[in-house]
């Protein structure tokens, strides 16, 4: 997502954290470091995202044929 702003990325990550899709770990170091990971419930989205990727690939292929 090369064109996302830092503000928008932070907002999206906070929403995913509030929804318990990801968890955030803060490291006490300089410079500050934050690590995000999928929660157990977040991991259950994997198969859904794979299917969306397949659909998106097919859709783009269909558009390119026109």
PDB file of N, CA and C in Angstrom:
ATOM      1  N   UNK A   1       0.841  -1.168   0.000  1.00  0.00           N
ATOM      2  CA  UNK A   1       0.000   0.000   0.000  1.00  0.00           C
ATOM      3  C   UNK A   1       0.890   1.235   0.000  1.00  0.00           C
ATOM      4  N   UNK A   2       1.531   1.499  -1.113  1.00  0.00           N
ATOM      5  CA  UNK A   2       2.539   2.558  -1.144  1.00  0.00           C
ATOM      6  C   UNK A   2       2.002   3.968  -0.952  1.00  0.00           C
ATOM      7  N   UNK A   3       0.727   4.222  -1.208  1.00  0.00           N
ATOM      8  CA  UNK A   3       0.230   5.593  -1.124  1.00  0.00           C
ATOM      9  C   UNK A   3      -0.534   5.889   0.168  1.00  0.00           C
ATOM     10  N   UNK A   4      -0.511   4.965   1.123  1.00  0.00           N
ATOM     11  CA  UNK A   4      -1.228   5.190   2.383  1.00  0.00           C
ATOM     12  C   UNK A   4      -0.415   6.154   3.258  1.00  0.00           C
ATOM     13  N   UNK A   5      -1.120   7.053   3.912  1.00  0.00           N
ATOM     14  CA  UNK A   5      -0.438   7.987   4.811  1.00  0.00           C
ATOM     15  C   UNK A   5      -0.202   7.311   6.160  1.00  0.00           C
ATOM     16  N   UNK A   6       0.749   7.837   6.911  1.00  0.00           N
ATOM     17  CA  UNK A   6       1.023   7.297   8.245  1.00  0.00           C
ATOM     18  C   UNK A   6      -0.223   7.386   9.121  1.00  0.00           C
ATOM     19  N   UNK A   7      -0.948   8.485   8.997  1.00  0.00           N
ATOM     20  CA  UNK A   7      -2.165   8.688   9.787  1.00  0.00           C
ATOM     21  C   UNK A   7      -3.219   7.624   9.471  1.00  0.00           C
ATOM     22  N   UNK A   8      -3.425   7.346   8.176  1.00  0.00           N
ATOM     23  CA  UNK A   8      -4.423   6.356   7.778  1.00  0.00           C
ATOM     24  C   UNK A   8      -4.000   4.953   8.199  1.00  0.00           C
ATOM     25  N   UNK A   9      -2.707   4.634   8.058  1.00  0.00           N
ATOM     26  CA  UNK A   9      -2.217   3.328   8.479  1.00  0.00           C
ATOM     27  C   UNK A   9      -2.435   3.132   9.974  1.00  0.00           C
ATOM     28  N   UNK A  10      -2.093   4.133  10.767  1.00  0.00           N
ATOM     29  CA  UNK A  10      -2.284   4.060  12.214  1.00  0.00           C
ATOM     30  C   UNK A  10      -3.760   3.867  12.557  1.00  0.00           C
ATOM     31  N   UNK A  11      -4.628   4.606  11.888  1.00  0.00           N
ATOM     32  CA  UNK A  11      -6.070   4.494  12.129  1.00  0.00           C
ATOM     33  C   UNK A  11      -6.563   3.075  11.831  1.00  0.00           C
ATOM     34  N   UNK A  12      -6.150   2.522  10.700  1.00  0.00           N
ATOM     35  CA  UNK A  12      -6.574   1.178  10.323  1.00  0.00           C
ATOM     36  C   UNK A  12      -6.044   0.126  11.300  1.00  0.00           C
ATOM     37  N   UNK A  13      -4.778   0.256  11.688  1.00  0.00           N
ATOM     38  CA  UNK A  13      -4.205  -0.691  12.644  1.00  0.00           C
ATOM     39  C   UNK A  13      -4.919  -0.619  13.992  1.00  0.00           C
ATOM     40  N   UNK A  14      -5.260   0.583  14.443  1.00  0.00           N
ATOM     41  CA  UNK A  14      -5.979   0.730  15.715  1.00  0.00           C
ATOM     42  C   UNK A  14      -7.368   0.109  15.640  1.00  0.00           C
ATOM     43  N   UNK A  15      -8.045   0.258  14.496  1.00  0.00           N
ATOM     44  CA  UNK A  15      -9.365  -0.350  14.323  1.00  0.00           C
ATOM     45  C   UNK A  15      -9.270  -1.876  14.333  1.00  0.00           C
ATOM     46  N   UNK A  16      -8.274  -2.423  13.648  1.00  0.00           N
ATOM     47  CA  UNK A  16      -8.083  -3.876  13.640  1.00  0.00           C
ATOM     48  C   UNK A  16      -7.742  -4.390  15.039  1.00  0.00           C
ATOM     49  N   UNK A  17      -6.985  -3.611  15.788  1.00  0.00           N
ATOM     50  CA  UNK A  17      -6.660  -3.986  17.164  1.00  0.00           C
ATOM     51  C   UNK A  17      -7.907  -3.932  18.046  1.00  0.00           C
ATOM     52  N   UNK A  18      -8.719  -2.911  17.901  1.00  0.00           N
ATOM     53  CA  UNK A  18      -9.950  -2.786  18.688  1.00  0.00           C
ATOM     54  C   UNK A  18     -10.922  -3.926  18.379  1.00  0.00           C
ATOM     55  N   UNK A  19     -10.888  -4.388  17.135  1.00  0.00           N
ATOM     56  CA  UNK A  19     -11.762  -5.496  16.720  1.00  0.00           C
ATOM     57  C   UNK A  19     -11.166  -6.865  17.014  1.00  0.00           C
ATOM     58  N   UNK A  20     -10.009  -6.881  17.674  1.00  0.00           N
ATOM     59  CA  UNK A  20      -9.320  -8.115  18.089  1.00  0.00           C
ATOM     60  C   UNK A  20      -8.841  -8.962  16.909  1.00  0.00           C
ATOM     61  N   UNK A  21      -8.578  -8.321  15.757  1.00  0.00           N
ATOM     62  CA  UNK A  21      -8.062  -9.021  14.579  1.00  0.00           C
ATOM     63  C   UNK A  21      -6.535  -9.102  14.653  1.00  0.00           C
ATOM     64  N   UNK A  22      -5.914  -8.057  15.189  1.00  0.00           N
ATOM     65  CA  UNK A  22      -4.465  -8.036  15.366  1.00  0.00           C
ATOM     66  C   UNK A  22      -4.146  -7.657  16.809  1.00  0.00           C
ATOM     67  N   UNK A  23      -2.915  -7.968  17.209  1.00  0.00           N
ATOM     68  CA  UNK A  23      -2.443  -7.520  18.519  1.00  0.00           C
ATOM     69  C   UNK A  23      -1.178  -6.700  18.297  1.00  0.00           C
ATOM     70  N   UNK A  24      -0.903  -5.813  19.228  1.00  0.00           N
ATOM     71  CA  UNK A  24       0.238  -4.910  19.125  1.00  0.00           C
ATOM     72  C   UNK A  24       1.165  -5.135  20.308  1.00  0.00           C
ATOM     73  N   UNK A  25       2.453  -5.266  20.020  1.00  0.00           N
ATOM     74  CA  UNK A  25       3.461  -5.413  21.067  1.00  0.00           C
ATOM     75  C   UNK A  25       4.421  -4.241  20.938  1.00  0.00           C
ATOM     76  N   UNK A  26       4.601  -3.518  22.038  1.00  0.00           N
ATOM     77  CA  UNK A  26       5.478  -2.352  22.063  1.00  0.00           C
ATOM     78  C   UNK A  26       6.780  -2.737  22.759  1.00  0.00           C
ATOM     79  N   UNK A  27       7.909  -2.445  22.114  1.00  0.00           N
ATOM     80  CA  UNK A  27       9.218  -2.718  22.686  1.00  0.00           C
ATOM     81  C   UNK A  27       9.790  -1.426  23.264  1.00  0.00           C
ATOM     82  N   UNK A  28      10.305  -1.513  24.464  1.00  0.00           N
ATOM     83  CA  UNK A  28      10.900  -0.348  25.126  1.00  0.00           C
ATOM     84  C   UNK A  28      12.344  -0.215  24.670  1.00  0.00           C
ATOM     85  N   UNK A  29      12.523   0.464  23.560  1.00  0.00           N
ATOM     86  CA  UNK A  29      13.864   0.670  23.017  1.00  0.00           C
ATOM     87  C   UNK A  29      13.899   1.972  22.235  1.00  0.00           C
ATOM     88  N   UNK A  30      15.096   2.385  21.880  1.00  0.00           N
ATOM     89  CA  UNK A  30      15.279   3.589  21.074  1.00  0.00           C
ATOM     90  C   UNK A  30      15.998   3.166  19.798  1.00  0.00           C
ATOM     91  N   UNK A  31      15.455   3.465  18.617  1.00  0.00           N
ATOM     92  CA  UNK A  31      14.154   4.093  18.392  1.00  0.00           C
ATOM     93  C   UNK A  31      13.015   3.137  18.760  1.00  0.00           C
ATOM     94  N   UNK A  32      11.825   3.698  19.016  1.00  0.00           N
ATOM     95  CA  UNK A  32      10.681   2.862  19.402  1.00  0.00           C
ATOM     96  C   UNK A  32      10.381   1.803  18.343  1.00  0.00           C
ATOM     97  N   UNK A  33       9.929   0.652  18.804  1.00  0.00           N
ATOM     98  CA  UNK A  33       9.578  -0.433  17.894  1.00  0.00           C
ATOM     99  C   UNK A  33       8.225  -0.988  18.315  1.00  0.00           C
ATOM    100  N   UNK A  34       7.356  -1.179  17.323  1.00  0.00           N
ATOM    101  CA  UNK A  34       6.044  -1.770  17.559  1.00  0.00           C
ATOM    102  C   UNK A  34       5.883  -2.922  16.575  1.00  0.00           C
ATOM    103  N   UNK A  35       5.376  -4.035  17.068  1.00  0.00           N
ATOM    104  CA  UNK A  35       5.192  -5.209  16.227  1.00  0.00           C
ATOM    105  C   UNK A  35       3.721  -5.625  16.269  1.00  0.00           C
ATOM    106  N   UNK A  36       3.151  -5.881  15.104  1.00  0.00           N
ATOM    107  CA  UNK A  36       1.766  -6.311  15.006  1.00  0.00           C
ATOM    108  C   UNK A  36       1.729  -7.765  14.561  1.00  0.00           C
ATOM    109  N   UNK A  37       0.757  -8.495  15.077  1.00  0.00           N
ATOM    110  CA  UNK A  37       0.573  -9.880  14.651  1.00  0.00           C
ATOM    111  C   UNK A  37      -0.912 -10.220  14.683  1.00  0.00           C
ATOM    112  N   UNK A  38      -1.261 -11.242  13.918  1.00  0.00           N
ATOM    113  CA  UNK A  38      -2.657 -11.686  13.895  1.00  0.00           C
ATOM    114  C   UNK A  38      -2.998 -12.388  15.201  1.00  0.00           C
ATOM    115  N   UNK A  39      -4.194 -12.154  15.682  1.00  0.00           N
ATOM    116  CA  UNK A  39      -4.700 -12.897  16.834  1.00  0.00           C
ATOM    117  C   UNK A  39      -5.232 -14.241  16.321  1.00  0.00           C
ATOM    118  N   UNK A  40      -5.646 -15.085  17.211  1.00  0.00           N
ATOM    119  CA  UNK A  40      -6.220 -16.372  16.795  1.00  0.00           C
ATOM    120  C   UNK A  40      -7.448 -16.152  15.903  1.00  0.00           C
ATOM    121  N   UNK A  41      -8.308 -15.213  16.276  1.00  0.00           N
ATOM    122  CA  UNK A  41      -9.485 -14.931  15.447  1.00  0.00           C
ATOM    123  C   UNK A  41      -9.066 -14.299  14.127  1.00  0.00           C
ATOM    124  N   UNK A  42      -8.022 -13.493  14.135  1.00  0.00           N
ATOM    125  CA  UNK A  42      -7.508 -12.896  12.905  1.00  0.00           C
ATOM    126  C   UNK A  42      -6.992 -13.951  11.936  1.00  0.00           C
ATOM    127  N   UNK A  43      -6.370 -14.987  12.475  1.00  0.00           N
ATOM    128  CA  UNK A  43      -5.856 -16.075  11.628  1.00  0.00           C
ATOM    129  C   UNK A  43      -6.967 -16.808  10.896  1.00  0.00           C
ATOM    130  N   UNK A  44      -8.170 -16.788  11.449  1.00  0.00           N
ATOM    131  CA  UNK A  44      -9.286 -17.476  10.777  1.00  0.00           C
ATOM    132  C   UNK A  44      -9.708 -16.758   9.497  1.00  0.00           C
ATOM    133  N   UNK A  45      -9.255 -15.543   9.287  1.00  0.00           N
ATOM    134  CA  UNK A  45      -9.563 -14.807   8.063  1.00  0.00           C
ATOM    135  C   UNK A  45      -8.707 -15.254   6.877  1.00  0.00           C
ATOM    136  N   UNK A  46      -7.684 -16.027   7.112  1.00  0.00           N
ATOM    137  CA  UNK A  46      -6.748 -16.421   6.069  1.00  0.00           C
ATOM    138  C   UNK A  46      -7.437 -17.038   4.856  1.00  0.00           C
ATOM    139  N   UNK A  47      -8.311 -18.013   5.066  1.00  0.00           N
ATOM    140  CA  UNK A  47      -8.974 -18.675   3.934  1.00  0.00           C
ATOM    141  C   UNK A  47      -9.883 -17.708   3.172  1.00  0.00           C
ATOM    142  N   UNK A  48     -10.511 -16.789   3.885  1.00  0.00           N
ATOM    143  CA  UNK A  48     -11.369 -15.788   3.241  1.00  0.00           C
ATOM    144  C   UNK A  48     -10.526 -14.876   2.353  1.00  0.00           C
ATOM    145  N   UNK A  49      -9.383 -14.435   2.856  1.00  0.00           N
ATOM    146  CA  UNK A  49      -8.512 -13.542   2.089  1.00  0.00           C
ATOM    147  C   UNK A  49      -7.923 -14.235   0.868  1.00  0.00           C
ATOM    148  N   UNK A  50      -7.603 -15.507   0.992  1.00  0.00           N
ATOM    149  CA  UNK A  50      -7.089 -16.270  -0.148  1.00  0.00           C
ATOM    150  C   UNK A  50      -8.151 -16.333  -1.249  1.00  0.00           C
ATOM    151  N   UNK A  51      -9.389 -16.581  -0.868  1.00  0.00           N
ATOM    152  CA  UNK A  51     -10.466 -16.631  -1.857  1.00  0.00           C
ATOM    153  C   UNK A  51     -10.710 -15.264  -2.490  1.00  0.00           C
ATOM    154  N   UNK A  52     -10.615 -14.196  -1.718  1.00  0.00           N
ATOM    155  CA  UNK A  52     -10.753 -12.846  -2.279  1.00  0.00           C
ATOM    156  C   UNK A  52      -9.631 -12.556  -3.270  1.00  0.00           C
ATOM    157  N   UNK A  53      -8.424 -13.008  -2.958  1.00  0.00           N
ATOM    158  CA  UNK A  53      -7.307 -12.817  -3.878  1.00  0.00           C
ATOM    159  C   UNK A  53      -7.554 -13.556  -5.189  1.00  0.00           C
ATOM    160  N   UNK A  54      -8.046 -14.793  -5.107  1.00  0.00           N
ATOM    161  CA  UNK A  54      -8.355 -15.563  -6.315  1.00  0.00           C
ATOM    162  C   UNK A  54      -9.408 -14.847  -7.148  1.00  0.00           C
ATOM    163  N   UNK A  55     -10.448 -14.362  -6.475  1.00  0.00           N
ATOM    164  CA  UNK A  55     -11.507 -13.645  -7.190  1.00  0.00           C
ATOM    165  C   UNK A  55     -10.959 -12.381  -7.838  1.00  0.00           C
ATOM    166  N   UNK A  56     -10.161 -11.625  -7.121  1.00  0.00           N
ATOM    167  CA  UNK A  56      -9.588 -10.398  -7.649  1.00  0.00           C
ATOM    168  C   UNK A  56      -8.712 -10.650  -8.867  1.00  0.00           C
ATOM    169  N   UNK A  57      -7.921 -11.708  -8.817  1.00  0.00           N
ATOM    170  CA  UNK A  57      -7.075 -12.072  -9.954  1.00  0.00           C
ATOM    171  C   UNK A  57      -7.930 -12.413 -11.168  1.00  0.00           C
ATOM    172  N   UNK A  58      -8.988 -13.180 -10.953  1.00  0.00           N
ATOM    173  CA  UNK A  58      -9.892 -13.543 -12.041  1.00  0.00           C
ATOM    174  C   UNK A  58     -10.584 -12.301 -12.589  1.00  0.00           C
ATOM    175  N   UNK A  59     -11.017 -11.421 -11.733  1.00  0.00           N
ATOM    176  CA  UNK A  59     -11.719 -10.209 -12.145  1.00  0.00           C
ATOM    177  C   UNK A  59     -10.817  -9.311 -12.992  1.00  0.00           C
ATOM    178  N   UNK A  60      -9.590  -9.107 -12.548  1.00  0.00           N
ATOM    179  CA  UNK A  60      -8.651  -8.274 -13.302  1.00  0.00           C
ATOM    180  C   UNK A  60      -8.353  -8.903 -14.656  1.00  0.00           C
ATOM    181  N   UNK A  61      -8.209 -10.225 -14.673  1.00  0.00           N
ATOM    182  CA  UNK A  61      -7.963 -10.933 -15.926  1.00  0.00           C
ATOM    183  C   UNK A  61      -9.132 -10.724 -16.895  1.00  0.00           C
ATOM    184  N   UNK A  62     -10.348 -10.776 -16.363  1.00  0.00           N
ATOM    185  CA  UNK A  62     -11.548 -10.564 -17.184  1.00  0.00           C
ATOM    186  C   UNK A  62     -11.582  -9.147 -17.730  1.00  0.00           C
ATOM    187  N   UNK A  63     -11.247  -8.173 -16.902  1.00  0.00           N
ATOM    188  CA  UNK A  63     -11.242  -6.771 -17.350  1.00  0.00           C
ATOM    189  C   UNK A  63     -10.193  -6.538 -18.438  1.00  0.00           C
ATOM    190  N   UNK A  64      -9.039  -7.189 -18.312  1.00  0.00           N
ATOM    191  CA  UNK A  64      -7.958  -6.994 -19.271  1.00  0.00           C
ATOM    192  C   UNK A  64      -8.267  -7.598 -20.636  1.00  0.00           C
ATOM    193  N   UNK A  65      -9.202  -8.558 -20.694  1.00  0.00           N
ATOM    194  CA  UNK A  65      -9.572  -9.189 -21.958  1.00  0.00           C
ATOM    195  C   UNK A  65     -10.510  -8.308 -22.773  1.00  0.00           C
ATOM    196  N   UNK A  66     -11.125  -7.332 -22.148  1.00  0.00           N
ATOM    197  CA  UNK A  66     -12.098  -6.491 -22.847  1.00  0.00           C
ATOM    198  C   UNK A  66     -11.434  -5.354 -23.573  1.00  0.00           C
TER     199      UNK A  66
END
